Protein backbone atom coordinates (compact mmCIF):
# COMPACT_ATOMS: atom_id res chain seq x y z
CA UNK A 1 -31.34 -53.58 -164.69
CA UNK A 2 -30.85 -49.94 -165.62
CA UNK A 3 -31.83 -48.77 -169.07
CA UNK A 4 -30.32 -46.29 -171.49
CA UNK A 5 -32.82 -43.56 -170.56
CA UNK A 6 -31.61 -43.71 -166.97
CA UNK A 7 -28.01 -43.53 -168.20
CA UNK A 8 -28.75 -40.57 -170.48
CA UNK A 9 -30.63 -38.67 -167.77
CA UNK A 10 -27.87 -39.27 -165.23
CA UNK A 11 -25.22 -38.33 -167.77
CA UNK A 12 -26.97 -35.08 -168.65
CA UNK A 13 -27.22 -34.17 -164.97
CA UNK A 14 -23.51 -34.88 -164.54
CA UNK A 15 -22.62 -32.88 -167.64
CA UNK A 16 -24.51 -29.91 -166.24
CA UNK A 17 -22.73 -30.31 -162.90
CA UNK A 18 -19.36 -30.58 -164.68
CA UNK A 19 -20.09 -27.40 -166.60
CA UNK A 20 -21.03 -25.51 -163.44
CA UNK A 21 -18.07 -26.84 -161.43
CA UNK A 22 -15.27 -26.60 -163.99
CA UNK A 23 -16.52 -24.41 -166.82
CA UNK A 24 -18.50 -21.72 -165.00
CA UNK A 25 -17.66 -18.92 -167.42
CA UNK A 26 -18.76 -20.97 -170.44
CA UNK A 27 -21.17 -23.42 -168.82
CA UNK A 28 -23.95 -23.06 -171.42
CA UNK A 29 -21.52 -23.74 -174.27
CA UNK A 30 -20.02 -26.70 -172.37
CA UNK A 31 -23.46 -28.23 -171.80
CA UNK A 32 -24.40 -27.63 -175.43
CA UNK A 33 -21.24 -29.30 -176.72
CA UNK A 34 -21.62 -32.20 -174.27
CA UNK A 35 -25.20 -32.78 -175.39
CA UNK A 36 -24.12 -32.66 -179.03
CA UNK A 37 -21.57 -35.40 -178.37
CA UNK A 38 -24.12 -37.60 -176.59
CA UNK A 39 -26.61 -37.12 -179.41
CA UNK A 40 -24.01 -37.83 -182.09
CA UNK A 41 -22.79 -41.02 -180.41
CA UNK A 42 -26.11 -42.22 -178.97
CA UNK A 43 -26.45 -45.30 -181.20
CA UNK A 44 -22.98 -46.49 -180.20
CA UNK A 45 -23.57 -45.65 -176.54
CA UNK A 46 -26.82 -47.63 -176.56
CA UNK A 47 -25.08 -50.66 -178.02
CA UNK A 48 -22.03 -50.43 -175.78
CA UNK A 49 -23.93 -49.84 -172.54
CA UNK A 50 -26.16 -52.81 -173.33
CA UNK A 51 -23.06 -54.96 -173.82
CA UNK A 52 -21.50 -53.56 -170.66
CA UNK A 53 -24.65 -54.30 -168.65
CA UNK A 54 -24.81 -57.83 -170.07
CA UNK A 55 -21.16 -58.40 -169.07
CA UNK A 56 -20.35 -58.95 -172.74
CA UNK A 57 -17.97 -55.99 -172.74
CA UNK A 58 -15.30 -55.36 -170.12
CA UNK A 59 -15.02 -51.97 -168.45
CA UNK A 60 -11.63 -51.56 -170.11
CA UNK A 61 -13.10 -52.29 -173.56
CA UNK A 62 -15.97 -49.88 -172.92
CA UNK A 63 -13.52 -47.17 -171.90
CA UNK A 64 -11.43 -47.80 -175.00
CA UNK A 65 -14.49 -47.57 -177.26
CA UNK A 66 -15.68 -44.31 -175.72
CA UNK A 67 -12.17 -42.84 -175.88
CA UNK A 68 -12.15 -43.82 -179.55
CA UNK A 69 -14.95 -41.31 -180.14
CA UNK A 70 -12.67 -38.50 -178.92
CA UNK A 71 -12.57 -36.87 -182.34
CA UNK A 72 -16.37 -36.60 -182.41
CA UNK A 73 -16.32 -34.12 -179.53
CA UNK A 74 -16.46 -31.12 -181.84
CA UNK A 75 -16.91 -28.36 -179.23
CA UNK A 76 -18.33 -25.86 -181.70
CA UNK A 77 -19.86 -23.66 -179.00
CA UNK A 78 -16.67 -23.58 -176.95
CA UNK A 79 -14.55 -22.85 -180.03
CA UNK A 80 -16.77 -19.89 -180.86
CA UNK A 81 -16.02 -18.48 -177.43
CA UNK A 82 -12.32 -18.58 -178.23
CA UNK A 83 -11.10 -21.25 -175.82
CA UNK A 84 -7.54 -22.39 -176.42
CA UNK A 85 -6.53 -25.86 -177.54
CA UNK A 86 -5.42 -26.88 -174.04
CA UNK A 87 -8.77 -25.86 -172.57
CA UNK A 88 -10.67 -27.65 -175.33
CA UNK A 89 -8.63 -30.81 -174.77
CA UNK A 90 -9.28 -30.62 -171.02
CA UNK A 91 -13.01 -30.32 -171.68
CA UNK A 92 -12.92 -33.25 -174.11
CA UNK A 93 -11.14 -35.43 -171.53
CA UNK A 94 -13.55 -34.42 -168.76
CA UNK A 95 -16.53 -35.16 -170.98
CA UNK A 96 -15.31 -38.63 -171.94
CA UNK A 97 -14.40 -39.44 -168.32
CA UNK A 98 -17.92 -38.38 -167.32
CA UNK A 99 -19.49 -40.65 -169.95
CA UNK A 100 -17.41 -43.64 -168.83
CA UNK A 101 -17.91 -43.02 -165.10
CA UNK A 102 -21.65 -42.59 -165.51
CA UNK A 103 -21.92 -45.83 -167.49
CA UNK A 104 -20.03 -47.70 -164.80
CA UNK A 105 -22.19 -46.24 -162.04
CA UNK A 106 -25.44 -46.99 -163.85
CA UNK A 107 -24.73 -50.35 -165.46
CA UNK A 108 -22.16 -52.13 -163.32
CA UNK A 109 -23.17 -53.70 -160.03
C-alpha cells in the first residue's frame, strides 16, 4: 500500500508540472502557492488519504472534502503578481483537481 510520503512526492512533482505547463509566466509563484496549500492541509490530507486507501471513504466523498478546502488556497504569491480573479480561480481549480487525481492514482487500485 502506498503511503502519504509517496502521495506528497508525487503531488509535488505534478504541481511543478502543472506550473510549467499552464502557468509558465508565474510558475515559481504557482509552485509556492501550491506547496503552501499542501502544507496547510497536510493533517487533513493524511487522514483522508488513509481513509481512501482503506476504502473507508468513497472517491466522491474524498473529492468533496478536498473541494471543501477551496478557501484555504490563499495564492498569496500569485496575488502579488497581479493575477486577476478568473486566473486565480482557474489555478485554484487546477490545484484541487491535481490533489484529487494524485490521491486516486496513488491510493486507489
